[in-house]
């Protein structure tokens, strides 16, 4: 019901919904007018409810999409970090193996020198 303050100050009941005054003798017309106004209010309320529901649904869909994107991003980063870690670990293992081989070689040289003496 969108009655102005001026309209209400003239004694307008809410049910008239800004319609011109209907004389008392036209009871059926008055009831029909009130029924139309009530139906309008219900339609407006339904529309607002539907709009709110649609907004919530849209936000939920957007949140699901953002979650899926974030999950994908985390997966990508995790895979990259894992690959980097494994590459670094392999590099470390190779360096360690070379170092151990150098030690064994040095040890073998020492033993060879001591055997010659």
Protein backbone atom coordinates (compact mmCIF):
# COMPACT_ATOMS: atom_id res chain seq x y z
CA UNK A 1 0.00 0.00 0.00
CA UNK A 2 1.60 3.23 -1.10
CA UNK A 3 -0.60 5.93 0.32
CA UNK A 4 0.99 9.34 0.84
CA UNK A 5 0.91 11.01 4.24
CA UNK A 6 -1.51 13.58 2.83
CA UNK A 7 -3.80 10.81 1.57
CA UNK A 8 -3.73 9.03 4.94
CA UNK A 9 -4.35 12.28 6.81
CA UNK A 10 -7.67 12.60 4.97
CA UNK A 11 -8.85 9.49 6.82
CA UNK A 12 -8.03 6.89 4.19
CA UNK A 13 -8.13 3.33 5.54
CA UNK A 14 -5.21 1.19 4.42
CA UNK A 15 -7.52 -1.17 2.51
CA UNK A 16 -8.62 1.51 0.03
CA UNK A 17 -5.12 1.41 -1.55
CA UNK A 18 -5.37 5.00 -2.77
CA UNK A 19 -8.68 4.31 -4.54
CA UNK A 20 -11.33 7.01 -4.58
CA UNK A 21 -13.80 6.76 -1.70
CA UNK A 22 -16.46 4.15 -2.39
CA UNK A 23 -19.85 4.93 -0.85
CA UNK A 24 -21.13 2.49 1.78
CA UNK A 25 -24.01 1.33 -0.43
CA UNK A 26 -21.58 -0.28 -2.93
CA UNK A 27 -20.57 -3.01 -0.49
CA UNK A 28 -19.64 -5.53 -3.20
CA UNK A 29 -17.45 -3.01 -5.02
CA UNK A 30 -15.77 -2.11 -1.73
CA UNK A 31 -15.10 -5.83 -0.99
CA UNK A 32 -13.74 -6.40 -4.51
CA UNK A 33 -11.48 -3.36 -4.17
CA UNK A 34 -10.22 -4.60 -0.81
CA UNK A 35 -9.66 -8.10 -2.26
CA UNK A 36 -7.69 -6.60 -5.17
CA UNK A 37 -5.59 -4.52 -2.77
CA UNK A 38 -4.94 -7.60 -0.61
CA UNK A 39 -3.99 -9.64 -3.69
CA UNK A 40 -1.64 -6.82 -4.79
CA UNK A 41 0.02 -6.87 -1.36
CA UNK A 42 0.42 -10.66 -1.54
CA UNK A 43 1.88 -10.44 -5.06
CA UNK A 44 4.34 -7.77 -3.93
CA UNK A 45 5.30 -9.85 -0.90
CA UNK A 46 5.74 -12.97 -3.08
CA UNK A 47 7.85 -11.00 -5.51
CA UNK A 48 10.07 -9.70 -2.72
CA UNK A 49 10.41 -13.21 -1.25
CA UNK A 50 11.31 -14.63 -4.67
CA UNK A 51 13.80 -11.83 -5.28
CA UNK A 52 15.48 -12.46 -1.93
CA UNK A 53 15.56 -16.21 -2.62
CA UNK A 54 17.09 -15.58 -6.07
CA UNK A 55 19.74 -13.30 -4.55
CA UNK A 56 20.62 -15.93 -1.94
CA UNK A 57 20.75 -18.60 -4.65
CA UNK A 58 22.99 -16.40 -6.81
CA UNK A 59 25.30 -15.78 -3.86
CA UNK A 60 25.40 -19.52 -3.13
CA UNK A 61 26.25 -20.34 -6.76
CA UNK A 62 28.95 -17.67 -6.75
CA UNK A 63 30.34 -19.00 -3.46
CA UNK A 64 30.43 -22.56 -4.89
CA UNK A 65 32.25 -21.29 -7.99
CA UNK A 66 34.74 -19.36 -5.86
CA UNK A 67 35.29 -22.44 -3.69
CA UNK A 68 35.90 -24.61 -6.77
CA UNK A 69 38.33 -22.02 -8.15
CA UNK A 70 40.16 -21.82 -4.82
CA UNK A 71 40.35 -25.62 -4.60
CA UNK A 72 41.80 -25.77 -8.11
CA UNK A 73 44.30 -23.03 -7.24
CA UNK A 74 45.39 -24.87 -4.08
CA UNK A 75 45.75 -28.10 -6.07
CA UNK A 76 47.89 -26.35 -8.69
CA UNK A 77 50.10 -24.72 -6.06
CA UNK A 78 50.40 -27.96 -4.11
CA UNK A 79 51.44 -29.89 -7.21
CA UNK A 80 54.02 -27.23 -8.10
CA UNK A 81 55.37 -27.11 -4.54
CA UNK A 82 55.56 -30.92 -4.43
CA UNK A 83 57.39 -31.03 -7.78
CA UNK A 84 59.81 -28.31 -6.59
CA UNK A 85 60.40 -30.18 -3.34
CA UNK A 86 61.04 -33.51 -5.11
CA UNK A 87 63.39 -31.83 -7.59
CA UNK A 88 65.29 -30.21 -4.71
CA UNK A 89 65.40 -33.50 -2.79
CA UNK A 90 66.72 -35.36 -5.85
CA UNK A 91 69.38 -32.67 -6.34
CA UNK A 92 70.35 -33.00 -2.67
CA UNK A 93 70.51 -36.82 -2.94
CA UNK A 94 72.72 -36.60 -6.03
CA UNK A 95 75.07 -34.14 -4.30
CA UNK A 96 75.19 -36.41 -1.25
CA UNK A 97 75.92 -39.48 -3.39
CA UNK A 98 78.73 -37.60 -5.20
CA UNK A 99 80.17 -36.51 -1.86
CA UNK A 100 80.07 -40.11 -0.53
CA UNK A 101 81.71 -41.37 -3.74
CA UNK A 102 84.44 -38.75 -3.38
CA UNK A 103 85.01 -39.90 0.22
CA UNK A 104 85.25 -43.56 -0.84
CA UNK A 105 87.65 -42.59 -3.64
CA UNK A 106 89.81 -40.58 -1.24
CA UNK A 107 89.75 -43.49 1.24
CA UNK A 108 90.78 -45.94 -1.51
CA UNK A 109 93.64 -43.60 -2.53
CA UNK A 110 94.85 -43.42 1.05
CA UNK A 111 94.77 -47.21 1.41
CA UNK A 112 96.60 -47.58 -1.91
CA UNK A 113 99.29 -45.13 -0.76
CA UNK A 114 99.68 -46.96 2.59
CA UNK A 115 99.88 -50.35 0.80
CA UNK A 116 102.65 -49.06 -1.44
CA UNK A 117 104.76 -48.01 1.50
